[in-house]
């Protein structure tokens, strides 16, 4: 069985340096900057580190569990992207297909253009495709990335509400103008939520059922879903009630009851071990424990840069892609050594979630690592700290 524990030195990793990583996280807990965390470092199909620090719930003081349930937010996107590529491999869709082929409401999209102080709507020059949804070049945005006219319309519509189903969500989103011409820029966006609805239409199943039957059950991920069942509520990791640095604390989603919206862009809850199985499947280029869901070439295709010379649109999107990185189909991808302020081989891919969860996969070193925590305002700091300290432990 994949992902058993093995001594770090058997995997080319330094046990002292991995212990230092956990000590630094423990220090963050003691300074009351971090409620708690679970960390996984794995190499060559075995885990060198699987440990926890701090508290599961600061309100009760209960210690963190290794099987804690975390709101993984945008770490949902890589999973939904894999689901789309599975349908592509089955001949059920093409990445070059217009989104409107599956969702008719996107047939007449318009782009918002500022002419002086006036906002004008003009027809798109080319329709957004499934490929655009996967690489965030569909012209959409996120309401929290800025305060432009289109983003204000997103906010007024409460486009992030979890009280409307996916079909209603995509109909209402399609009525809003695009912020950019499809294919012209990378703008992180609600595109993966739209992709989730495409998957429903193509597969004839709800996104919840499709992901459970086609990915979670085959890969042995029993604790990954859009909500946590009642008997497991005591395993849900919680953030501090107040931001330790005095900022405005983000309210995290309530995962104790099923939301109407199955957000393919940010709705899943998972555990460190479940997500480790998903990443080992990716590192194995589409297979885990004899179960193959994607062909090796498809995984390589997904984790290559798909932006090329396409520029990054906004400062909010730029903050998500360090220098020297592009974006693939669901993942940020490192294009070269150096340039970025964190280490990593060329070809390393990663992503994270709004509440603080993060991962990276380094195919060159046969390595992946996951840090699960619920500290929304500190997420960028811990993501970079974690990557620095994991690479410091690699000895070959």
Protein backbone atom coordinates (compact mmCIF):
# COMPACT_ATOMS: atom_id res chain seq x y z
CA UNK A 1 0.00 0.00 0.00
CA UNK A 2 1.29 3.44 -0.96
CA UNK A 3 2.17 6.13 1.58
CA UNK A 4 3.40 4.14 4.52
CA UNK A 5 5.86 5.84 6.88
CA UNK A 6 9.58 5.41 6.31
CA UNK A 7 12.57 6.95 8.09
CA UNK A 8 13.55 10.22 6.38
CA UNK A 9 17.16 9.16 5.77
CA UNK A 10 15.89 6.21 3.70
CA UNK A 11 14.23 8.77 1.40
CA UNK A 12 17.10 11.23 1.05
CA UNK A 13 15.62 13.57 3.66
CA UNK A 14 17.14 14.87 6.91
CA UNK A 15 15.22 13.92 10.05
CA UNK A 16 16.83 16.77 12.02
CA UNK A 17 15.70 19.33 9.47
CA UNK A 18 12.16 17.94 9.32
CA UNK A 19 12.09 18.11 13.13
CA UNK A 20 13.18 21.74 12.85
CA UNK A 21 10.22 22.41 10.55
CA UNK A 22 7.80 21.05 13.15
CA UNK A 23 9.59 23.00 15.90
CA UNK A 24 9.13 26.24 13.95
CA UNK A 25 5.41 25.48 13.51
CA UNK A 26 5.18 24.67 17.23
CA UNK A 27 6.81 28.02 18.01
CA UNK A 28 4.19 29.74 15.85
CA UNK A 29 1.51 27.96 17.91
CA UNK A 30 3.09 29.05 21.17
CA UNK A 31 3.25 32.64 19.95
CA UNK A 32 -0.49 32.32 19.21
CA UNK A 33 -0.07 33.16 15.54
CA UNK A 34 -1.15 29.70 14.37
CA UNK A 35 -4.01 27.68 15.90
CA UNK A 36 -2.73 24.31 14.70
CA UNK A 37 -1.51 22.42 11.64
CA UNK A 38 -0.94 19.01 10.06
CA UNK A 39 2.13 18.54 7.84
CA UNK A 40 2.99 15.78 5.36
CA UNK A 41 6.27 15.36 3.51
CA UNK A 42 6.49 12.36 1.18
CA UNK A 43 9.09 11.09 -1.25
CA UNK A 44 9.38 8.02 -3.48
CA UNK A 45 5.87 6.95 -2.47
CA UNK A 46 6.52 6.95 1.29
CA UNK A 47 5.88 9.52 4.00
CA UNK A 48 8.88 10.84 5.89
CA UNK A 49 6.73 13.21 7.95
CA UNK A 50 3.08 13.07 9.01
CA UNK A 51 2.61 15.08 12.17
CA UNK A 52 0.45 17.70 13.87
CA UNK A 53 0.94 20.68 16.16
CA UNK A 54 -1.33 22.99 18.10
CA UNK A 55 -5.05 22.93 18.48
CA UNK A 56 -7.88 21.55 16.40
CA UNK A 57 -10.20 24.20 17.79
CA UNK A 58 -8.87 27.22 19.71
CA UNK A 59 -12.28 27.71 21.34
CA UNK A 60 -12.13 24.30 23.07
CA UNK A 61 -8.35 23.84 23.35
CA UNK A 62 -8.58 20.34 21.89
CA UNK A 63 -5.30 19.13 20.40
CA UNK A 64 -4.97 18.91 16.62
CA UNK A 65 -5.74 15.49 15.12
CA UNK A 66 -3.78 14.08 12.20
CA UNK A 67 -7.14 13.19 10.66
CA UNK A 68 -8.61 16.68 11.12
CA UNK A 69 -11.00 17.95 8.44
CA UNK A 70 -9.85 21.17 6.78
CA UNK A 71 -11.69 23.54 4.49
CA UNK A 72 -9.35 23.34 1.52
CA UNK A 73 -11.03 26.06 -0.56
CA UNK A 74 -9.09 26.42 -3.85
CA UNK A 75 -7.28 23.12 -3.42
CA UNK A 76 -10.64 21.89 -4.75
CA UNK A 77 -9.63 23.25 -8.17
CA UNK A 78 -6.92 20.66 -9.00
CA UNK A 79 -9.37 17.84 -8.21
CA UNK A 80 -12.11 19.28 -10.43
CA UNK A 81 -9.50 19.90 -13.14
CA UNK A 82 -8.52 16.21 -12.99
CA UNK A 83 -12.22 15.30 -13.35
CA UNK A 84 -12.44 17.43 -16.51
CA UNK A 85 -9.37 15.75 -17.98
CA UNK A 86 -10.86 12.32 -17.24
CA UNK A 87 -13.88 13.28 -19.35
CA UNK A 88 -11.56 14.56 -22.08
CA UNK A 89 -9.74 11.22 -22.09
CA UNK A 90 -13.10 9.44 -22.41
CA UNK A 91 -13.93 11.47 -25.52
CA UNK A 92 -16.81 13.26 -23.79
CA UNK A 93 -15.40 16.77 -24.31
CA UNK A 94 -12.63 18.68 -26.05
CA UNK A 95 -10.66 21.44 -24.35
CA UNK A 96 -11.19 23.53 -27.48
CA UNK A 97 -14.98 23.28 -27.12
CA UNK A 98 -16.73 26.60 -26.39
CA UNK A 99 -18.23 26.66 -22.88
CA UNK A 100 -21.52 27.52 -24.59
CA UNK A 101 -21.60 24.07 -26.19
CA UNK A 102 -22.51 22.71 -22.74
CA UNK A 103 -23.92 25.81 -21.05
CA UNK A 104 -26.08 27.71 -23.55
CA UNK A 105 -26.31 30.73 -21.26
CA UNK A 106 -22.69 31.58 -22.18
CA UNK A 107 -23.49 31.90 -25.93
CA UNK A 108 -23.87 35.70 -26.00
CA UNK A 109 -21.15 36.90 -23.65
CA UNK A 110 -20.06 40.51 -23.60
CA UNK A 111 -16.96 42.27 -22.28
CA UNK A 112 -17.12 45.40 -20.14
CA UNK A 113 -14.99 48.16 -21.70
CA UNK A 114 -14.39 51.57 -20.17
CA UNK A 115 -14.88 54.35 -22.72
CA UNK A 116 -13.88 57.44 -20.79
CA UNK A 117 -15.98 57.22 -17.65
CA UNK A 118 -18.69 55.16 -19.35
CA UNK A 119 -18.89 51.37 -19.12
CA UNK A 120 -19.77 49.86 -22.48
CA UNK A 121 -20.55 46.24 -23.28
CA UNK A 122 -19.16 44.76 -26.50
CA UNK A 123 -19.51 41.21 -27.85
CA UNK A 124 -16.55 38.91 -27.23
CA UNK A 125 -14.13 38.49 -30.13
CA UNK A 126 -13.95 34.76 -29.45
CA UNK A 127 -15.94 32.52 -27.13
CA UNK A 128 -14.38 31.18 -23.92
CA UNK A 129 -13.44 27.50 -24.13
CA UNK A 130 -13.10 24.66 -21.63
CA UNK A 131 -9.33 25.21 -21.92
CA UNK A 132 -9.88 28.84 -20.83
CA UNK A 133 -11.84 27.67 -17.76
CA UNK A 134 -9.01 25.33 -16.75
CA UNK A 135 -6.24 27.94 -17.06
CA UNK A 136 -8.24 31.00 -15.88
CA UNK A 137 -8.20 32.82 -19.20
CA UNK A 138 -12.00 32.84 -19.66
CA UNK A 139 -12.30 36.58 -18.95
CA UNK A 140 -13.98 36.11 -15.56
CA UNK A 141 -12.71 37.33 -12.20
CA UNK A 142 -13.17 37.00 -8.43
CA UNK A 143 -15.03 39.76 -6.60
CA UNK A 144 -12.37 39.88 -3.86
CA UNK A 145 -9.48 40.53 -6.28
CA UNK A 146 -10.39 44.17 -6.79
CA UNK A 147 -13.08 46.82 -6.90
CA UNK A 148 -13.59 47.32 -10.62
CA UNK A 149 -17.05 47.71 -12.18
CA UNK A 150 -17.37 44.00 -13.05
CA UNK A 151 -16.14 42.90 -9.62
CA UNK A 152 -18.71 45.18 -8.00
CA UNK A 153 -21.41 43.47 -10.07
CA UNK A 154 -20.15 40.08 -8.83
CA UNK A 155 -20.37 41.36 -5.25
CA UNK A 156 -23.85 42.85 -5.72
CA UNK A 157 -25.11 39.54 -7.10
CA UNK A 158 -23.51 37.75 -4.11
CA UNK A 159 -21.96 35.42 -6.64
CA UNK A 160 -20.12 33.62 -3.84
CA UNK A 161 -23.37 32.61 -2.11
CA UNK A 162 -23.59 28.91 -1.31
CA UNK A 163 -27.39 29.06 -1.24
CA UNK A 164 -27.95 28.65 -4.98
CA UNK A 165 -27.32 25.52 -6.98
CA UNK A 166 -24.67 25.23 -9.71
CA UNK A 167 -27.16 25.54 -12.57
CA UNK A 168 -28.62 28.77 -11.16
CA UNK A 169 -25.12 30.05 -10.34
CA UNK A 170 -23.87 29.64 -13.93
CA UNK A 171 -27.03 31.23 -15.38
CA UNK A 172 -26.63 34.28 -13.16
CA UNK A 173 -22.88 34.54 -13.75
CA UNK A 174 -23.37 34.29 -17.52
CA UNK A 175 -25.62 37.37 -17.36
CA UNK A 176 -22.75 39.45 -15.97
CA UNK A 177 -20.19 40.99 -18.36
CA UNK A 178 -16.72 39.57 -18.66
CA UNK A 179 -13.86 41.61 -17.28
CA UNK A 180 -11.47 40.64 -20.11
CA UNK A 181 -11.54 39.17 -23.60
CA UNK A 182 -11.33 35.35 -23.37
CA UNK A 183 -7.80 34.11 -23.98
CA UNK A 184 -6.20 37.53 -23.51
CA UNK A 185 -5.05 37.46 -19.87
CA UNK A 186 -4.71 35.20 -16.83
CA UNK A 187 -7.18 36.36 -14.18
CA UNK A 188 -7.85 34.03 -11.27
CA UNK A 189 -11.59 33.58 -11.24
CA UNK A 190 -14.79 31.65 -10.69
CA UNK A 191 -14.03 29.71 -13.89
CA UNK A 192 -13.55 26.41 -12.01
CA UNK A 193 -17.03 26.77 -10.51
CA UNK A 194 -18.33 27.03 -14.09
CA UNK A 195 -16.18 24.01 -15.03
CA UNK A 196 -17.95 22.07 -12.25
CA UNK A 197 -21.28 22.75 -13.97
CA UNK A 198 -19.83 21.67 -17.33
CA UNK A 199 -18.87 18.36 -15.69
CA UNK A 200 -22.43 17.91 -14.45
CA UNK A 201 -23.91 18.48 -17.90
CA UNK A 202 -21.41 16.20 -19.66
CA UNK A 203 -21.54 13.38 -17.09
CA UNK A 204 -25.25 13.56 -16.26
CA UNK A 205 -24.35 13.43 -12.55
CA UNK A 206 -24.17 16.04 -9.82
CA UNK A 207 -20.64 17.28 -9.14
CA UNK A 208 -20.82 15.75 -5.65
CA UNK A 209 -21.68 12.30 -6.99
CA UNK A 210 -19.25 12.48 -9.93
CA UNK A 211 -16.27 13.37 -7.73
CA UNK A 212 -17.18 10.77 -5.12
CA UNK A 213 -17.68 7.90 -7.59
CA UNK A 214 -14.98 8.76 -10.12
CA UNK A 215 -12.17 10.13 -7.91
CA UNK A 216 -12.61 9.86 -4.13
CA UNK A 217 -13.72 6.23 -3.96
CA UNK A 218 -11.21 4.91 -6.54
CA UNK A 219 -8.30 6.79 -4.89
CA UNK A 220 -9.27 5.89 -1.31
CA UNK A 221 -10.20 9.41 -0.15
CA UNK A 222 -13.14 8.69 2.19
CA UNK A 223 -12.97 11.97 4.12
CA UNK A 224 -13.11 14.37 1.16
CA UNK A 225 -16.51 15.89 0.39
CA UNK A 226 -18.45 19.16 0.24
CA UNK A 227 -19.61 18.76 3.85
CA UNK A 228 -18.60 16.90 7.01
CA UNK A 229 -21.12 14.30 8.28
CA UNK A 230 -22.54 14.83 11.76
CA UNK A 231 -20.58 12.01 13.40
CA UNK A 232 -17.31 13.63 12.28
CA UNK A 233 -18.03 17.23 13.33
CA UNK A 234 -15.61 16.89 16.24
CA UNK A 235 -12.78 16.49 13.68
CA UNK A 236 -13.25 19.90 11.99
CA UNK A 237 -10.25 22.22 12.33
CA UNK A 238 -11.16 25.81 13.20
CA UNK A 239 -9.34 29.15 12.94
CA UNK A 240 -8.92 31.73 15.68
CA UNK A 241 -12.04 33.80 16.36
CA UNK A 242 -9.91 36.92 15.88
CA UNK A 243 -6.95 37.50 13.60
CA UNK A 244 -3.78 37.28 15.74
CA UNK A 245 -2.27 40.23 13.85
CA UNK A 246 -5.30 42.45 14.36
CA UNK A 247 -6.62 42.30 10.80
CA UNK A 248 -10.19 41.63 9.75
CA UNK A 249 -10.66 37.90 10.27
CA UNK A 250 -12.17 36.12 7.28
CA UNK A 251 -15.29 34.09 8.05
CA UNK A 252 -14.75 30.52 6.93
CA UNK A 253 -17.52 28.49 5.30
CA UNK A 254 -19.80 26.33 7.43
CA UNK A 255 -19.10 22.74 6.41
CA UNK A 256 -21.37 21.11 8.99
CA UNK A 257 -24.32 21.05 6.61
CA UNK A 258 -24.56 20.53 2.86
CA UNK A 259 -24.42 23.78 0.93
CA UNK A 260 -26.77 24.04 -2.03
CA UNK A 261 -23.81 25.09 -4.18
CA UNK A 262 -21.15 22.46 -4.88
CA UNK A 263 -18.29 24.89 -5.53
CA UNK A 264 -15.77 23.29 -7.88
CA UNK A 265 -13.56 26.28 -7.20
CA UNK A 266 -13.50 26.14 -3.42
CA UNK A 267 -16.04 23.96 -1.63
CA UNK A 268 -14.29 20.77 -0.55
CA UNK A 269 -13.25 19.59 2.89
CA UNK A 270 -10.41 17.08 3.16
CA UNK A 271 -7.75 15.59 5.41
CA UNK A 272 -3.98 15.67 5.03
CA UNK A 273 -3.91 11.93 4.29
CA UNK A 274 -6.71 12.05 1.71
CA UNK A 275 -5.04 14.89 -0.13
CA UNK A 276 -1.70 13.09 0.10
CA UNK A 277 -3.25 10.20 -1.79
CA UNK A 278 -4.44 12.60 -4.49
CA UNK A 279 -0.96 14.13 -4.81
CA UNK A 280 0.73 10.72 -4.92
CA UNK A 281 -1.67 9.85 -7.75
CA UNK A 282 -0.50 13.00 -9.57
CA UNK A 283 3.17 12.28 -8.85
CA UNK A 284 2.62 8.74 -10.20
CA UNK A 285 1.34 10.40 -13.40
CA UNK A 286 -2.27 9.29 -13.09
CA UNK A 287 -2.23 6.07 -11.07
CA UNK A 288 -2.42 4.99 -7.42
CA UNK A 289 -2.40 1.47 -5.97
CA UNK A 290 -3.24 -0.09 -9.32
CA UNK A 291 -6.07 2.36 -10.09
CA UNK A 292 -5.43 4.54 -13.14
CA UNK A 293 -7.66 7.57 -13.67
CA UNK A 294 -5.49 9.51 -16.14
CA UNK A 295 -2.84 8.65 -18.69
CA UNK A 296 0.73 9.76 -17.92
CA UNK A 297 0.83 12.09 -20.92
CA UNK A 298 -2.33 13.84 -19.74
CA UNK A 299 -0.82 14.51 -16.30
CA UNK A 300 2.32 15.92 -17.97
CA UNK A 301 0.09 18.10 -20.16
CA UNK A 302 -1.86 19.39 -17.13
CA UNK A 303 1.26 20.30 -15.19
CA UNK A 304 2.99 22.17 -18.04
CA UNK A 305 2.66 25.94 -18.39
CA UNK A 306 -0.40 26.86 -20.49
CA UNK A 307 0.00 30.65 -20.40
CA UNK A 308 3.09 31.16 -22.53
CA UNK A 309 3.16 34.89 -23.34
CA UNK A 310 -0.36 35.54 -22.00
CA UNK A 311 0.02 38.31 -19.38
CA UNK A 312 -1.27 38.19 -15.81
CA UNK A 313 -4.09 40.71 -15.50
CA UNK A 314 -4.43 42.11 -12.00
CA UNK A 315 -2.24 42.61 -8.97
CA UNK A 316 -4.46 40.12 -7.13
CA UNK A 317 -3.76 37.42 -9.71
CA UNK A 318 -0.07 38.32 -9.86
CA UNK A 319 0.26 37.77 -6.11
CA UNK A 320 -0.77 34.13 -6.66
CA UNK A 321 1.90 33.41 -9.28
CA UNK A 322 5.45 34.01 -8.03
CA UNK A 323 8.05 35.23 -10.52
CA UNK A 324 9.24 32.43 -12.77
CA UNK A 325 5.90 30.59 -12.59
CA UNK A 326 3.16 30.02 -15.13
CA UNK A 327 -0.16 28.22 -14.83
CA UNK A 328 -1.20 24.82 -16.11
CA UNK A 329 -4.62 23.17 -15.95
CA UNK A 330 -5.47 23.61 -12.26
CA UNK A 331 -1.96 24.28 -10.90
CA UNK A 332 0.70 26.99 -10.81
CA UNK A 333 3.83 25.63 -12.51
CA UNK A 334 7.47 26.59 -11.97
CA UNK A 335 9.14 27.36 -15.30
CA UNK A 336 12.78 27.75 -14.21
CA UNK A 337 15.18 27.56 -11.32
CA UNK A 338 15.72 30.82 -9.48
CA UNK A 339 13.73 34.04 -10.04
CA UNK A 340 11.00 33.09 -7.53
CA UNK A 341 11.60 33.84 -3.82
CA UNK A 342 11.15 30.16 -2.89
CA UNK A 343 13.17 27.06 -3.91
CA UNK A 344 11.94 24.28 -6.16
CA UNK A 345 12.84 22.33 -9.30
CA UNK A 346 11.65 23.45 -12.71
CA UNK A 347 8.35 21.64 -13.26
CA UNK A 348 7.25 21.86 -9.62
CA UNK A 349 3.54 22.59 -9.39
CA UNK A 350 1.48 23.85 -6.47
CA UNK A 351 -1.66 25.53 -5.26
CA UNK A 352 -3.29 26.54 -1.97
CA UNK A 353 -6.56 27.46 -0.32
CA UNK A 354 -7.98 30.69 1.08
CA UNK A 355 -8.00 29.43 4.69
CA UNK A 356 -4.30 28.52 4.59
CA UNK A 357 -3.94 24.98 3.22
CA UNK A 358 -1.14 24.50 0.68
CA UNK A 359 0.75 21.84 -1.27
CA UNK A 360 3.51 21.46 -3.82
CA UNK A 361 4.65 18.54 -5.98
CA UNK A 362 8.22 18.28 -7.30
CA UNK A 363 8.35 15.56 -9.99
CA UNK A 364 12.13 15.91 -10.40
CA UNK A 365 12.74 15.00 -6.74
CA UNK A 366 9.74 12.59 -6.57
CA UNK A 367 8.58 14.73 -3.63
CA UNK A 368 5.37 16.32 -2.43
CA UNK A 369 4.41 18.17 0.72
CA UNK A 370 1.16 19.39 2.27
CA UNK A 371 0.51 21.86 5.05
CA UNK A 372 -3.04 21.90 6.38
CA UNK A 373 -4.06 24.81 8.60
CA UNK A 374 -6.90 27.29 9.07
CA UNK A 375 -5.23 30.70 9.36
CA UNK A 376 -6.62 32.78 6.47
CA UNK A 377 -4.69 36.02 6.96
CA UNK A 378 -1.33 34.28 7.47
CA UNK A 379 -1.63 31.85 4.55
CA UNK A 380 1.02 33.43 2.30
CA UNK A 381 3.63 33.52 5.06
CA UNK A 382 3.16 29.86 6.02
CA UNK A 383 3.08 28.70 2.40
CA UNK A 384 6.51 30.18 1.72
CA UNK A 385 7.96 29.21 5.11
CA UNK A 386 6.83 25.62 4.59
CA UNK A 387 8.33 25.33 1.12
CA UNK A 388 11.65 26.80 2.28
CA UNK A 389 11.95 24.36 5.18
CA UNK A 390 10.90 21.26 3.24
CA UNK A 391 13.50 21.89 0.55
CA UNK A 392 16.09 22.50 3.28
CA UNK A 393 15.53 18.87 4.37
CA UNK A 394 16.31 17.36 0.94
CA UNK A 395 19.84 15.94 0.99
CA UNK A 396 20.40 14.84 -2.61
